[in-house]
C-alpha atoms as a PDB file:
ATOM      1  CA  MET A   1     -15.983   2.434 -19.812  1.00  0.00           C
ATOM      2  CA  GLY A   2     -17.102   6.048 -18.267  1.00  0.00           C
ATOM      3  CA  ALA A   3     -16.950   8.115 -14.781  1.00  0.00           C
ATOM      4  CA  PRO A   4     -18.393   6.828 -11.767  1.00  0.00           C
ATOM      5  CA  GLN A   5     -22.291   6.945 -11.862  1.00  0.00           C
ATOM      6  CA  ARG A   6     -23.337   6.862  -8.143  1.00  0.00           C
ATOM      7  CA  LYS A   7     -21.144   6.636  -4.768  1.00  0.00           C
ATOM      8  CA  TYR A   8     -20.678   3.847  -2.937  1.00  0.00           C
ATOM      9  CA  SER A   9     -20.998   3.455   0.858  1.00  0.00           C
ATOM     10  CA  VAL A  10     -17.553   2.719   2.725  1.00  0.00           C
ATOM     11  CA  GLY A  11     -16.902   1.372   6.629  1.00  0.00           C
ATOM     12  CA  GLY A  12     -14.404   4.401   6.594  1.00  0.00           C
ATOM     13  CA  LEU A  13     -10.621   5.990   5.014  1.00  0.00           C
ATOM     14  CA  LYS A  14      -7.215   5.142   6.775  1.00  0.00           C
ATOM     15  CA  LEU A  15      -4.259   7.015   5.437  1.00  0.00           C
ATOM     16  CA  SER A  16      -0.207   6.053   6.615  1.00  0.00           C
ATOM     17  CA  GLU A  17       2.501   8.410   7.627  1.00  0.00           C
ATOM     18  CA  PRO A  18       5.004   8.733   4.911  1.00  0.00           C
ATOM     19  CA  LEU A  19       6.595   5.733   3.850  1.00  0.00           C
ATOM     20  CA  VAL A  20       9.684   3.141   1.800  1.00  0.00           C
ATOM     21  CA  GLN A  21       8.090   0.775   0.048  1.00  0.00           C
ATOM     22  CA  ILE A  22      10.238  -2.087  -1.123  1.00  0.00           C
ATOM     23  CA  ARG A  23       9.117  -4.371  -3.780  1.00  0.00           C
ATOM     24  CA  PHE A  24      10.589  -7.526  -3.783  1.00  0.00           C
ATOM     25  CA  SER A  25      11.756  -9.554  -6.747  1.00  0.00           C
ATOM     26  CA  PRO A  26      13.517 -12.750  -4.936  1.00  0.00           C
ATOM     27  CA  GLN A  27      16.043 -14.877  -7.997  1.00  0.00           C
ATOM     28  CA  GLY A  28      15.936 -18.203  -6.297  1.00  0.00           C
ATOM     29  CA  GLU A  29      14.015 -20.738  -3.703  1.00  0.00           C
ATOM     30  CA  ASN A  30      13.708 -19.664  -0.449  1.00  0.00           C
ATOM     31  CA  ARG A  31      14.813 -16.079  -1.634  1.00  0.00           C
ATOM     32  CA  LEU A  32      12.147 -13.722  -0.054  1.00  0.00           C
ATOM     33  CA  GLU A  33      11.710 -16.179   3.427  1.00  0.00           C
ATOM     34  CA  VAL A  34      15.837 -14.934   3.988  1.00  0.00           C
ATOM     35  CA  MET A  35      14.851 -10.793   3.425  1.00  0.00           C
ATOM     36  CA  ILE A  36      12.056 -11.367   5.053  1.00  0.00           C
ATOM     37  CA  ARG A  37      14.426 -13.006   8.335  1.00  0.00           C
ATOM     38  CA  ARG A  38      16.931 -10.558   7.250  1.00  0.00           C
ATOM     39  CA  LEU A  39      14.617  -7.126   8.131  1.00  0.00           C
ATOM     40  CA  ALA A  40      13.349  -9.464  11.405  1.00  0.00           C
ATOM     41  CA  ASP A  41      16.387  -9.325  12.631  1.00  0.00           C
ATOM     42  CA  ARG A  42      16.923  -6.103  12.345  1.00  0.00           C
ATOM     43  CA  GLU A  43      13.966  -5.636  13.661  1.00  0.00           C
ATOM     44  CA  VAL A  44      12.423  -3.423  10.388  1.00  0.00           C
ATOM     45  CA  ASN A  45       8.477  -3.797  10.863  1.00  0.00           C
ATOM     46  CA  LEU A  46       6.988  -4.352   7.646  1.00  0.00           C
ATOM     47  CA  ILE A  47       3.163  -2.468   7.751  1.00  0.00           C
ATOM     48  CA  GLY A  48       1.619  -4.591   5.164  1.00  0.00           C
ATOM     49  CA  LEU A  49       2.867  -7.277   3.108  1.00  0.00           C
ATOM     50  CA  ALA A  50       1.397  -8.242  -0.283  1.00  0.00           C
ATOM     51  CA  LEU A  51       2.927 -11.484  -2.057  1.00  0.00           C
ATOM     52  CA  ASP A  52       1.524 -12.876  -6.015  1.00  0.00           C
ATOM     53  CA  VAL A  53       3.417 -15.272  -7.908  1.00  0.00           C
ATOM     54  CA  VAL A  54       3.576 -14.739 -11.413  1.00  0.00           C
ATOM     55  CA  GLU A  55       4.581 -17.225 -13.776  1.00  0.00           C
ATOM     56  CA  GLY A  56       5.761 -19.716 -11.719  1.00  0.00           C
ATOM     57  CA  ARG A  57       8.217 -16.237  -9.673  1.00  0.00           C
ATOM     58  CA  LEU A  58       6.947 -15.290  -6.689  1.00  0.00           C
ATOM     59  CA  SER A  59       7.455 -11.870  -5.257  1.00  0.00           C
ATOM     60  CA  GLY A  60       5.603  -8.976  -3.339  1.00  0.00           C
ATOM     61  CA  VAL A  61       5.806  -5.450  -1.925  1.00  0.00           C
ATOM     62  CA  SER A  62       5.877  -4.180   1.580  1.00  0.00           C
ATOM     63  CA  TRP A  63       6.344  -0.638   3.523  1.00  0.00           C
ATOM     64  CA  ILE A  64       8.378   0.242   6.212  1.00  0.00           C
ATOM     65  CA  ARG A  65       8.763   3.268   8.062  1.00  0.00           C
ATOM     66  CA  CYS A  66      11.252   6.670   6.884  1.00  0.00           C
ATOM     67  CA  GLU A  67      13.660   5.612   9.673  1.00  0.00           C
ATOM     68  CA  ASP A  68      14.100   2.363   9.449  1.00  0.00           C
ATOM     69  CA  GLN A  69      15.060   2.705   6.017  1.00  0.00           C
ATOM     70  CA  GLU A  70      18.691   2.660   6.545  1.00  0.00           C
ATOM     71  CA  THR A  71      18.390  -0.708   9.034  1.00  0.00           C
ATOM     72  CA  ALA A  72      16.526  -1.955   5.459  1.00  0.00           C
ATOM     73  CA  LEU A  73      19.136  -1.394   3.067  1.00  0.00           C
ATOM     74  CA  GLU A  74      22.246  -3.119   5.056  1.00  0.00           C
ATOM     75  CA  ALA A  75      20.270  -6.201   5.842  1.00  0.00           C
ATOM     76  CA  LEU A  76      19.162  -6.219   2.497  1.00  0.00           C
ATOM     77  CA  LYS A  77      22.702  -5.274   0.963  1.00  0.00           C
ATOM     78  CA  PRO A  78      23.626  -9.429   0.294  1.00  0.00           C
ATOM     79  CA  LEU A  79      21.112  -9.517  -1.446  1.00  0.00           C
ATOM     80  CA  GLU A  80      20.226  -5.930  -3.596  1.00  0.00           C
ATOM     81  CA  ASP A  81      19.870  -7.540  -6.668  1.00  0.00           C
ATOM     82  CA  SER A  82      16.582  -8.706  -5.311  1.00  0.00           C
ATOM     83  CA  PHE A  83      14.272  -5.400  -4.039  1.00  0.00           C
ATOM     84  CA  GLU A  84      13.703  -2.034  -5.255  1.00  0.00           C
ATOM     85  CA  ILE A  85      13.706   1.103  -3.095  1.00  0.00           C
ATOM     86  CA  ARG A  86      11.048   3.581  -3.260  1.00  0.00           C
ATOM     87  CA  PRO A  87      11.126   6.597  -0.777  1.00  0.00           C
ATOM     88  CA  GLY A  88       8.218   8.976  -0.018  1.00  0.00           C
ATOM     89  CA  VAL A  89       5.120   6.639  -0.290  1.00  0.00           C
ATOM     90  CA  GLY A  90       2.044   6.779   1.430  1.00  0.00           C
ATOM     91  CA  LEU A  91      -1.217   4.725   1.851  1.00  0.00           C
ATOM     92  CA  LEU A  92      -4.101   5.101   1.207  1.00  0.00           C
ATOM     93  CA  THR A  93      -6.799   2.224   2.708  1.00  0.00           C
ATOM     94  CA  LEU A  94     -10.583   2.074   2.269  1.00  0.00           C
ATOM     95  CA  PHE A  95     -13.561  -0.217   3.354  1.00  0.00           C
ATOM     96  CA  PRO A  96     -15.751  -0.969   0.937  1.00  0.00           C
ATOM     97  CA  ILE A  97     -19.183  -2.241   2.603  1.00  0.00           C
ATOM     98  CA  GLN A  98     -21.248  -2.878  -0.839  1.00  0.00           C
ATOM     99  CA  ALA A  99     -20.583  -3.280  -4.069  1.00  0.00           C
ATOM    100  CA  ARG A 100     -17.164  -4.500  -3.252  1.00  0.00           C
ATOM    101  CA  SER A 101     -15.549  -4.878  -7.396  1.00  0.00           C
ATOM    102  CA  ASP A 102     -17.564  -2.173  -8.568  1.00  0.00           C
ATOM    103  CA  VAL A 103     -15.876   0.228  -5.968  1.00  0.00           C
ATOM    104  CA  ILE A 104     -12.566  -0.975  -6.709  1.00  0.00           C
ATOM    105  CA  ARG A 105     -12.901  -0.396 -10.866  1.00  0.00           C
ATOM    106  CA  ASP A 106     -14.454   2.886  -9.989  1.00  0.00           C
ATOM    107  CA  VAL A 107     -11.710   4.357  -7.929  1.00  0.00           C
ATOM    108  CA  LEU A 108      -9.081   2.831  -9.927  1.00  0.00           C
ATOM    109  CA  TYR A 109     -11.016   4.410 -13.537  1.00  0.00           C
ATOM    110  CA  ALA A 110     -11.146   7.849 -10.718  1.00  0.00           C
ATOM    111  CA  TRP A 111      -7.263   8.080  -9.530  1.00  0.00           C
ATOM    112  CA  GLY A 112      -5.523   6.975 -13.650  1.00  0.00           C
ATOM    113  CA  GLU A 113      -7.795   9.437 -14.742  1.00  0.00           C
ATOM    114  CA  ALA A 114      -7.075  12.123 -12.548  1.00  0.00           C
ATOM    115  CA  GLY A 115      -3.397  10.823 -13.136  1.00  0.00           C
ATOM    116  CA  LEU A 116      -1.694   9.476  -9.882  1.00  0.00           C
ATOM    117  CA  PRO A 117       0.262   7.010  -9.878  1.00  0.00           C
ATOM    118  CA  LEU A 118       0.089   4.227  -8.167  1.00  0.00           C
ATOM    119  CA  PHE A 119       2.630   2.198  -6.874  1.00  0.00           C
ATOM    120  CA  GLN A 120       0.649  -0.865  -5.786  1.00  0.00           C
ATOM    121  CA  VAL A 121      -2.786  -2.678  -4.880  1.00  0.00           C
ATOM    122  CA  SER A 122      -3.629  -4.436  -2.718  1.00  0.00           C
ATOM    123  CA  SER A 123      -7.121  -5.819  -1.706  1.00  0.00           C
ATOM    124  CA  SER A 124      -8.845  -8.432   1.297  1.00  0.00           C
ATOM    125  CA  PRO A 125     -12.045  -8.965   1.598  1.00  0.00           C
ATOM    126  CA  THR A 126     -12.705  -6.002   4.207  1.00  0.00           C
ATOM    127  CA  SER A 127      -9.833  -3.185   2.323  1.00  0.00           C
ATOM    128  CA  LEU A 128      -8.356  -2.225  -0.561  1.00  0.00           C
ATOM    129  CA  THR A 129      -4.908  -0.655  -0.554  1.00  0.00           C
ATOM    130  CA  LEU A 130      -3.557   2.025  -3.131  1.00  0.00           C
ATOM    131  CA  ALA A 131      -0.142   3.316  -2.763  1.00  0.00           C
ATOM    132  CA  THR A 132       1.307   6.395  -4.598  1.00  0.00           C
ATOM    133  CA  ASP A 133       3.088   9.416  -4.205  1.00  0.00           C
ATOM    134  CA  TYR A 134       3.069  10.677  -0.402  1.00  0.00           C
ATOM    135  CA  ALA A 135       3.210  14.101  -1.087  1.00  0.00           C
ATOM    136  CA  ARG A 136      -0.399  13.567  -3.336  1.00  0.00           C
ATOM    137  CA  LEU A 137      -2.286  11.618  -0.775  1.00  0.00           C
ATOM    138  CA  ASP A 138      -4.812  14.666  -0.039  1.00  0.00           C
ATOM    139  CA  GLU A 139      -4.869  14.499  -3.837  1.00  0.00           C
ATOM    140  CA  ALA A 140      -5.395  10.747  -3.352  1.00  0.00           C
ATOM    141  CA  VAL A 141      -8.585  11.174  -1.233  1.00  0.00           C
ATOM    142  CA  SER A 142     -10.200  13.993  -2.834  1.00  0.00           C
ATOM    143  CA  VAL A 143     -10.260  11.715  -6.394  1.00  0.00           C
ATOM    144  CA  VAL A 144     -11.425   8.316  -3.501  1.00  0.00           C
ATOM    145  CA  LEU A 145     -14.247  10.872  -2.126  1.00  0.00           C
ATOM    146  CA  ASN A 146     -15.999  11.042  -6.011  1.00  0.00           C
ATOM    147  CA  VAL A 147     -16.507   7.683  -5.449  1.00  0.00           C
ATOM    148  CA  VAL A 148     -17.544   7.229  -2.428  1.00  0.00           C
ATOM    149  CA  SER A 149     -19.342   7.974   0.400  1.00  0.00           C
ATOM    150  CA  LEU A 150     -17.813   8.009   4.408  1.00  0.00           C
ATOM    151  CA  PRO A 151     -20.235   7.029   7.186  1.00  0.00           C
ATOM    152  CA  GLU A 152     -21.845   9.983   8.771  1.00  0.00           C
ATOM    153  CA  ASN A 153     -18.761  12.455  10.920  1.00  0.00           C
ATOM    154  CA  HIS A 154     -16.079  10.143   9.860  1.00  0.00           C
ATOM    155  CA  ALA A 155     -13.230  11.994   8.070  1.00  0.00           C
ATOM    156  CA  PRO A 156     -10.192   9.982   6.496  1.00  0.00           C
ATOM    157  CA  PHE A 157      -7.804   9.436   9.716  1.00  0.00           C
ATOM    158  CA  ARG A 158      -4.014   9.226   9.684  1.00  0.00           C
ATOM    159  CA  PRO A 159      -2.065   7.630  12.272  1.00  0.00           C
ATOM    160  CA  GLU A 160      -1.728   9.679  15.692  1.00  0.00           C
ATOM    161  CA  TYR A 161       0.312   7.436  17.095  1.00  0.00           C
ATOM    162  CA  ARG A 162       2.508   4.281  16.520  1.00  0.00           C
ATOM    163  CA  VAL A 163       4.135   0.353  18.091  1.00  0.00           C
ATOM    164  CA  LYS A 164       6.648  -0.957  17.566  1.00  0.00           C
ATOM    165  CA  GLN A 165       6.438  -4.844  17.761  1.00  0.00           C
ATOM    166  CA  LEU A 166       9.292  -6.381  18.626  1.00  0.00           C
END
């Protein structure tokens, strides 16, 4: 396939704070609903949730704040065979404007060429989110900026404040 030949315009690039990734692998009917309800009952906010079904099995991934990790582990303890925790994850989200599938292809190609770990890819009609090692998030930005161009006077931004939803 080769390296990307052109840069794509994107509407912006957003970076997360350090997060904990939870990969849900429910082992029974309604198990995922139970897991999410247990987290909500303990007021653990999910920062994004991506679900998929493969061969009839529902699974998913979500992220939580680092300070909520112990509470989440307590809440999910009875279901410990149904999830995996990965601390130290960072999210890079970009907002493609044009040639969305080409942007995804070329960003993933550049990501792989750079040897960056990729823990999760999630997309919506307006965004592409990649999860990687938080310690390598700045390196990931450099890689992505070789493929995309940001609007004038825009720099990748990190959260400056937090809202806790109860």
